């Protein structure tokens, strides 16, 4: 039996969207923080628009964590 309840459909879709937004928001904030320098991230409030330091941050993390050797070891293994 198919029930036609447009109000229930709208309410359930709104709840699903709110759950999606709540679960995705931390990942979006982490991605935005990765594009800023440390001073901007520690500022209150943190900027919610992407910055311009993404490549510098990725290069610094790559060299400090020595990902090149670790990636090569994983490929060999």
PDB file of N, CA and C in Angstrom:
ATOM      1  N   UNK A   1       0.841  -1.168   0.000  1.00  0.00           N
ATOM      2  CA  UNK A   1       0.000   0.000   0.000  1.00  0.00           C
ATOM      3  C   UNK A   1       0.898   1.248   0.000  1.00  0.00           C
ATOM      4  N   UNK A   2       0.635   2.127  -0.913  1.00  0.00           N
ATOM      5  CA  UNK A   2       1.403   3.364  -1.038  1.00  0.00           C
ATOM      6  C   UNK A   2       0.611   4.484  -0.381  1.00  0.00           C
ATOM      7  N   UNK A   3       1.260   5.131   0.590  1.00  0.00           N
ATOM      8  CA  UNK A   3       0.613   6.251   1.263  1.00  0.00           C
ATOM      9  C   UNK A   3       1.155   7.556   0.702  1.00  0.00           C
ATOM     10  N   UNK A   4       0.299   8.489   0.498  1.00  0.00           N
ATOM     11  CA  UNK A   4       0.706   9.799  -0.016  1.00  0.00           C
ATOM     12  C   UNK A   4       0.608  10.809   1.113  1.00  0.00           C
ATOM     13  N   UNK A   5       1.764  11.064   1.704  1.00  0.00           N
ATOM     14  CA  UNK A   5       1.813  12.007   2.812  1.00  0.00           C
ATOM     15  C   UNK A   5       2.877  13.046   2.502  1.00  0.00           C
ATOM     16  N   UNK A   6       2.530  14.099   1.783  1.00  0.00           N
ATOM     17  CA  UNK A   6       3.532  15.092   1.385  1.00  0.00           C
ATOM     18  C   UNK A   6       4.168  15.806   2.573  1.00  0.00           C
ATOM     19  N   UNK A   7       3.422  16.028   3.642  1.00  0.00           N
ATOM     20  CA  UNK A   7       3.999  16.716   4.802  1.00  0.00           C
ATOM     21  C   UNK A   7       5.060  15.837   5.451  1.00  0.00           C
ATOM     22  N   UNK A   8       4.777  14.544   5.606  1.00  0.00           N
ATOM     23  CA  UNK A   8       5.761  13.630   6.177  1.00  0.00           C
ATOM     24  C   UNK A   8       6.993  13.530   5.281  1.00  0.00           C
ATOM     25  N   UNK A   9       6.805  13.529   3.982  1.00  0.00           N
ATOM     26  CA  UNK A   9       7.942  13.481   3.053  1.00  0.00           C
ATOM     27  C   UNK A   9       8.822  14.725   3.194  1.00  0.00           C
ATOM     28  N   UNK A  10       8.218  15.888   3.301  1.00  0.00           N
ATOM     29  CA  UNK A  10       8.978  17.126   3.443  1.00  0.00           C
ATOM     30  C   UNK A  10       9.736  17.142   4.764  1.00  0.00           C
ATOM     31  N   UNK A  11       9.078  16.755   5.848  1.00  0.00           N
ATOM     32  CA  UNK A  11       9.723  16.742   7.169  1.00  0.00           C
ATOM     33  C   UNK A  11      10.892  15.757   7.178  1.00  0.00           C
ATOM     34  N   UNK A  12      10.703  14.596   6.602  1.00  0.00           N
ATOM     35  CA  UNK A  12      11.786  13.603   6.600  1.00  0.00           C
ATOM     36  C   UNK A  12      12.958  14.075   5.733  1.00  0.00           C
ATOM     37  N   UNK A  13      12.689  14.718   4.621  1.00  0.00           N
ATOM     38  CA  UNK A  13      13.765  15.226   3.783  1.00  0.00           C
ATOM     39  C   UNK A  13      14.528  16.350   4.480  1.00  0.00           C
ATOM     40  N   UNK A  14      13.837  17.217   5.197  1.00  0.00           N
ATOM     41  CA  UNK A  14      14.494  18.292   5.935  1.00  0.00           C
ATOM     42  C   UNK A  14      15.377  17.707   7.034  1.00  0.00           C
ATOM     43  N   UNK A  15      14.888  16.702   7.756  1.00  0.00           N
ATOM     44  CA  UNK A  15      15.688  16.061   8.799  1.00  0.00           C
ATOM     45  C   UNK A  15      16.916  15.368   8.219  1.00  0.00           C
ATOM     46  N   UNK A  16      16.771  14.716   7.088  1.00  0.00           N
ATOM     47  CA  UNK A  16      17.923  14.084   6.444  1.00  0.00           C
ATOM     48  C   UNK A  16      18.951  15.120   6.008  1.00  0.00           C
ATOM     49  N   UNK A  17      18.496  16.236   5.473  1.00  0.00           N
ATOM     50  CA  UNK A  17      19.418  17.294   5.057  1.00  0.00           C
ATOM     51  C   UNK A  17      20.135  17.897   6.254  1.00  0.00           C
ATOM     52  N   UNK A  18      19.437  18.118   7.354  1.00  0.00           N
ATOM     53  CA  UNK A  18      20.076  18.648   8.560  1.00  0.00           C
ATOM     54  C   UNK A  18      21.123  17.677   9.101  1.00  0.00           C
ATOM     55  N   UNK A  19      20.818  16.386   9.077  1.00  0.00           N
ATOM     56  CA  UNK A  19      21.796  15.383   9.503  1.00  0.00           C
ATOM     57  C   UNK A  19      23.015  15.372   8.612  1.00  0.00           C
ATOM     58  N   UNK A  20      22.816  15.520   7.319  1.00  0.00           N
ATOM     59  CA  UNK A  20      23.939  15.590   6.383  1.00  0.00           C
ATOM     60  C   UNK A  20      24.793  16.823   6.655  1.00  0.00           C
ATOM     61  N   UNK A  21      24.159  17.964   6.866  1.00  0.00           N
ATOM     62  CA  UNK A  21      24.899  19.194   7.118  1.00  0.00           C
ATOM     63  C   UNK A  21      25.709  19.095   8.406  1.00  0.00           C
ATOM     64  N   UNK A  22      25.132  18.506   9.440  1.00  0.00           N
ATOM     65  CA  UNK A  22      25.842  18.366  10.719  1.00  0.00           C
ATOM     66  C   UNK A  22      27.016  17.411  10.588  1.00  0.00           C
ATOM     67  N   UNK A  23      26.871  16.364   9.796  1.00  0.00           N
ATOM     68  CA  UNK A  23      27.957  15.389   9.674  1.00  0.00           C
ATOM     69  C   UNK A  23      29.058  15.850   8.723  1.00  0.00           C
ATOM     70  N   UNK A  24      28.774  16.724   7.777  1.00  0.00           N
ATOM     71  CA  UNK A  24      29.770  17.180   6.811  1.00  0.00           C
ATOM     72  C   UNK A  24      30.489  18.447   7.286  1.00  0.00           C
ATOM     73  N   UNK A  25      29.873  19.212   8.174  1.00  0.00           N
ATOM     74  CA  UNK A  25      30.427  20.497   8.608  1.00  0.00           C
ATOM     75  C   UNK A  25      31.843  20.396   9.184  1.00  0.00           C
ATOM     76  N   UNK A  26      32.177  19.426  10.044  1.00  0.00           N
ATOM     77  CA  UNK A  26      33.552  19.362  10.555  1.00  0.00           C
ATOM     78  C   UNK A  26      34.597  19.152   9.455  1.00  0.00           C
ATOM     79  N   UNK A  27      34.275  18.369   8.456  1.00  0.00           N
ATOM     80  CA  UNK A  27      35.208  18.133   7.363  1.00  0.00           C
ATOM     81  C   UNK A  27      35.419  19.395   6.537  1.00  0.00           C
ATOM     82  N   UNK A  28      34.373  20.161   6.339  1.00  0.00           N
ATOM     83  CA  UNK A  28      34.482  21.422   5.599  1.00  0.00           C
ATOM     84  C   UNK A  28      35.357  22.404   6.373  1.00  0.00           C
ATOM     85  N   UNK A  29      35.178  22.463   7.684  1.00  0.00           N
ATOM     86  CA  UNK A  29      35.987  23.375   8.496  1.00  0.00           C
ATOM     87  C   UNK A  29      37.452  22.968   8.459  1.00  0.00           C
ATOM     88  N   UNK A  30      37.737  21.668   8.488  1.00  0.00           N
ATOM     89  CA  UNK A  30      39.125  21.201   8.406  1.00  0.00           C
ATOM     90  C   UNK A  30      39.731  21.559   7.052  1.00  0.00           C
ATOM     91  N   UNK A  31      38.979  21.392   5.978  1.00  0.00           N
ATOM     92  CA  UNK A  31      39.492  21.747   4.650  1.00  0.00           C
ATOM     93  C   UNK A  31      39.740  23.250   4.538  1.00  0.00           C
ATOM     94  N   UNK A  32      38.872  24.051   5.104  1.00  0.00           N
ATOM     95  CA  UNK A  32      39.077  25.503   5.061  1.00  0.00           C
ATOM     96  C   UNK A  32      40.281  25.884   5.914  1.00  0.00           C
ATOM     97  N   UNK A  33      40.437  25.259   7.083  1.00  0.00           N
ATOM     98  CA  UNK A  33      41.579  25.567   7.952  1.00  0.00           C
ATOM     99  C   UNK A  33      42.891  25.174   7.293  1.00  0.00           C
ATOM    100  N   UNK A  34      42.874  24.163   6.435  1.00  0.00           N
ATOM    101  CA  UNK A  34      44.100  23.740   5.751  1.00  0.00           C
ATOM    102  C   UNK A  34      44.579  24.776   4.744  1.00  0.00           C
ATOM    103  N   UNK A  35      43.731  25.709   4.386  1.00  0.00           N
ATOM    104  CA  UNK A  35      44.118  26.720   3.407  1.00  0.00           C
ATOM    105  C   UNK A  35      44.610  28.010   4.060  1.00  0.00           C
ATOM    106  N   UNK A  36      44.655  28.052   5.391  1.00  0.00           N
ATOM    107  CA  UNK A  36      45.086  29.246   6.109  1.00  0.00           C
ATOM    108  C   UNK A  36      46.379  28.975   6.869  1.00  0.00           C
ATOM    109  N   UNK A  37      47.072  30.056   7.223  1.00  0.00           N
ATOM    110  CA  UNK A  37      48.257  29.902   8.071  1.00  0.00           C
ATOM    111  C   UNK A  37      47.812  29.800   9.529  1.00  0.00           C
ATOM    112  N   UNK A  38      48.766  29.493  10.400  1.00  0.00           N
ATOM    113  CA  UNK A  38      48.448  29.234  11.800  1.00  0.00           C
ATOM    114  C   UNK A  38      47.858  30.459  12.501  1.00  0.00           C
ATOM    115  N   UNK A  39      48.336  31.641  12.165  1.00  0.00           N
ATOM    116  CA  UNK A  39      47.821  32.862  12.792  1.00  0.00           C
ATOM    117  C   UNK A  39      46.350  33.063  12.462  1.00  0.00           C
ATOM    118  N   UNK A  40      45.973  32.825  11.200  1.00  0.00           N
ATOM    119  CA  UNK A  40      44.572  32.997  10.802  1.00  0.00           C
ATOM    120  C   UNK A  40      43.667  31.943  11.432  1.00  0.00           C
ATOM    121  N   UNK A  41      44.151  30.721  11.541  1.00  0.00           N
ATOM    122  CA  UNK A  41      43.333  29.651  12.117  1.00  0.00           C
ATOM    123  C   UNK A  41      43.080  29.909  13.601  1.00  0.00           C
ATOM    124  N   UNK A  42      44.077  30.454  14.298  1.00  0.00           N
ATOM    125  CA  UNK A  42      43.918  30.719  15.724  1.00  0.00           C
ATOM    126  C   UNK A  42      43.185  32.016  16.013  1.00  0.00           C
ATOM    127  N   UNK A  43      42.878  32.795  14.997  1.00  0.00           N
ATOM    128  CA  UNK A  43      42.136  34.042  15.201  1.00  0.00           C
ATOM    129  C   UNK A  43      40.695  33.712  15.589  1.00  0.00           C
ATOM    130  N   UNK A  44      40.109  34.590  16.383  1.00  0.00           N
ATOM    131  CA  UNK A  44      38.722  34.406  16.786  1.00  0.00           C
ATOM    132  C   UNK A  44      37.911  35.522  16.166  1.00  0.00           C
ATOM    133  N   UNK A  45      36.940  35.246  15.358  1.00  0.00           N
ATOM    134  CA  UNK A  45      36.560  33.955  14.803  1.00  0.00           C
ATOM    135  C   UNK A  45      37.452  33.572  13.617  1.00  0.00           C
ATOM    136  N   UNK A  46      37.579  32.269  13.396  1.00  0.00           N
ATOM    137  CA  UNK A  46      38.380  31.782  12.269  1.00  0.00           C
ATOM    138  C   UNK A  46      37.677  32.139  10.961  1.00  0.00           C
ATOM    139  N   UNK A  47      38.424  32.564   9.940  1.00  0.00           N
ATOM    140  CA  UNK A  47      37.779  32.873   8.658  1.00  0.00           C
ATOM    141  C   UNK A  47      37.123  31.632   8.056  1.00  0.00           C
ATOM    142  N   UNK A  48      35.941  31.788   7.523  1.00  0.00           N
ATOM    143  CA  UNK A  48      35.215  30.662   6.947  1.00  0.00           C
ATOM    144  C   UNK A  48      35.289  30.629   5.433  1.00  0.00           C
ATOM    145  N   UNK A  49      36.136  31.468   4.855  1.00  0.00           N
ATOM    146  CA  UNK A  49      36.387  31.429   3.416  1.00  0.00           C
ATOM    147  C   UNK A  49      37.778  30.845   3.189  1.00  0.00           C
ATOM    148  N   UNK A  50      37.980  30.070   2.127  1.00  0.00           N
ATOM    149  CA  UNK A  50      39.299  29.478   1.878  1.00  0.00           C
ATOM    150  C   UNK A  50      40.375  30.543   1.704  1.00  0.00           C
ATOM    151  N   UNK A  51      41.571  30.217   2.184  1.00  0.00           N
ATOM    152  CA  UNK A  51      42.705  31.127   2.078  1.00  0.00           C
ATOM    153  C   UNK A  51      43.589  30.769   0.896  1.00  0.00           C
ATOM    154  N   UNK A  52      44.839  31.198   0.941  1.00  0.00           N
ATOM    155  CA  UNK A  52      45.741  30.998  -0.186  1.00  0.00           C
ATOM    156  C   UNK A  52      46.997  30.204   0.197  1.00  0.00           C
ATOM    157  N   UNK A  53      47.029  29.610   1.384  1.00  0.00           N
ATOM    158  CA  UNK A  53      48.225  28.908   1.842  1.00  0.00           C
ATOM    159  C   UNK A  53      48.133  27.391   1.726  1.00  0.00           C
ATOM    160  N   UNK A  54      47.230  26.868   0.930  1.00  0.00           N
ATOM    161  CA  UNK A  54      47.040  25.419   0.861  1.00  0.00           C
ATOM    162  C   UNK A  54      48.290  24.700   0.376  1.00  0.00           C
ATOM    163  N   UNK A  55      48.888  25.156  -0.715  1.00  0.00           N
ATOM    164  CA  UNK A  55      50.054  24.455  -1.255  1.00  0.00           C
ATOM    165  C   UNK A  55      51.241  24.535  -0.307  1.00  0.00           C
ATOM    166  N   UNK A  56      51.430  25.663   0.342  1.00  0.00           N
ATOM    167  CA  UNK A  56      52.526  25.790   1.316  1.00  0.00           C
ATOM    168  C   UNK A  56      52.294  24.879   2.511  1.00  0.00           C
ATOM    169  N   UNK A  57      51.051  24.788   2.971  1.00  0.00           N
ATOM    170  CA  UNK A  57      50.738  23.903   4.096  1.00  0.00           C
ATOM    171  C   UNK A  57      50.926  22.442   3.728  1.00  0.00           C
ATOM    172  N   UNK A  58      50.498  22.053   2.535  1.00  0.00           N
ATOM    173  CA  UNK A  58      50.676  20.665   2.097  1.00  0.00           C
ATOM    174  C   UNK A  58      52.147  20.319   1.932  1.00  0.00           C
ATOM    175  N   UNK A  59      52.932  21.240   1.379  1.00  0.00           N
ATOM    176  CA  UNK A  59      54.366  20.985   1.213  1.00  0.00           C
ATOM    177  C   UNK A  59      55.053  20.878   2.574  1.00  0.00           C
ATOM    178  N   UNK A  60      54.689  21.726   3.514  1.00  0.00           N
ATOM    179  CA  UNK A  60      55.273  21.657   4.856  1.00  0.00           C
ATOM    180  C   UNK A  60      54.912  20.369   5.574  1.00  0.00           C
ATOM    181  N   UNK A  61      53.674  19.943   5.466  1.00  0.00           N
ATOM    182  CA  UNK A  61      53.258  18.687   6.101  1.00  0.00           C
ATOM    183  C   UNK A  61      53.948  17.497   5.445  1.00  0.00           C
ATOM    184  N   UNK A  62      54.116  17.555   4.134  1.00  0.00           N
ATOM    185  CA  UNK A  62      54.771  16.454   3.403  1.00  0.00           C
ATOM    186  C   UNK A  62      56.222  16.290   3.861  1.00  0.00           C
ATOM    187  N   UNK A  63      56.936  17.406   4.000  1.00  0.00           N
ATOM    188  CA  UNK A  63      58.347  17.310   4.370  1.00  0.00           C
ATOM    189  C   UNK A  63      58.521  17.009   5.855  1.00  0.00           C
ATOM    190  N   UNK A  64      57.698  17.607   6.735  1.00  0.00           N
ATOM    191  CA  UNK A  64      57.847  17.365   8.175  1.00  0.00           C
ATOM    192  C   UNK A  64      57.492  15.925   8.543  1.00  0.00           C
ATOM    193  N   UNK A  65      56.515  15.335   7.886  1.00  0.00           N
ATOM    194  CA  UNK A  65      56.100  13.972   8.205  1.00  0.00           C
ATOM    195  C   UNK A  65      56.869  12.939   7.389  1.00  0.00           C
ATOM    196  N   UNK A  66      57.715  13.395   6.445  1.00  0.00           N
ATOM    197  CA  UNK A  66      58.525  12.492   5.621  1.00  0.00           C
ATOM    198  C   UNK A  66      57.644  11.504   4.851  1.00  0.00           C
ATOM    199  N   UNK A  67      56.611  12.019   4.220  1.00  0.00           N
ATOM    200  CA  UNK A  67      55.670  11.177   3.500  1.00  0.00           C
ATOM    201  C   UNK A  67      56.278  10.515   2.270  1.00  0.00           C
ATOM    202  N   UNK A  68      57.314  11.105   1.672  1.00  0.00           N
ATOM    203  CA  UNK A  68      57.915  10.519   0.479  1.00  0.00           C
ATOM    204  C   UNK A  68      58.466   9.139   0.753  1.00  0.00           C
ATOM    205  N   UNK A  69      59.231   8.984   1.837  1.00  0.00           N
ATOM    206  CA  UNK A  69      59.811   7.689   2.196  1.00  0.00           C
ATOM    207  C   UNK A  69      58.709   6.719   2.623  1.00  0.00           C
ATOM    208  N   UNK A  70      57.747   7.199   3.365  1.00  0.00           N
ATOM    209  CA  UNK A  70      56.667   6.328   3.830  1.00  0.00           C
ATOM    210  C   UNK A  70      55.806   5.838   2.668  1.00  0.00           C
ATOM    211  N   UNK A  71      55.565   6.700   1.696  1.00  0.00           N
ATOM    212  CA  UNK A  71      54.790   6.286   0.530  1.00  0.00           C
ATOM    213  C   UNK A  71      55.572   5.282  -0.300  1.00  0.00           C
ATOM    214  N   UNK A  72      56.877   5.494  -0.448  1.00  0.00           N
ATOM    215  CA  UNK A  72      57.717   4.549  -1.176  1.00  0.00           C
ATOM    216  C   UNK A  72      57.733   3.192  -0.466  1.00  0.00           C
ATOM    217  N   UNK A  73      57.848   3.168   0.852  1.00  0.00           N
ATOM    218  CA  UNK A  73      57.817   1.911   1.591  1.00  0.00           C
ATOM    219  C   UNK A  73      56.478   1.193   1.407  1.00  0.00           C
ATOM    220  N   UNK A  74      55.398   1.940   1.392  1.00  0.00           N
ATOM    221  CA  UNK A  74      54.067   1.325   1.191  1.00  0.00           C
ATOM    222  C   UNK A  74      53.951   0.739  -0.209  1.00  0.00           C
ATOM    223  N   UNK A  75      54.486   1.421  -1.196  1.00  0.00           N
ATOM    224  CA  UNK A  75      54.412   0.915  -2.574  1.00  0.00           C
ATOM    225  C   UNK A  75      55.242  -0.350  -2.710  1.00  0.00           C
ATOM    226  N   UNK A  76      56.433  -0.345  -2.111  1.00  0.00           N
ATOM    227  CA  UNK A  76      57.306  -1.525  -2.191  1.00  0.00           C
ATOM    228  C   UNK A  76      56.673  -2.709  -1.474  1.00  0.00           C
ATOM    229  N   UNK A  77      56.104  -2.449  -0.311  1.00  0.00           N
ATOM    230  CA  UNK A  77      55.489  -3.530   0.457  1.00  0.00           C
ATOM    231  C   UNK A  77      54.321  -4.109  -0.271  1.00  0.00           C
TER     232      UNK A  77
END
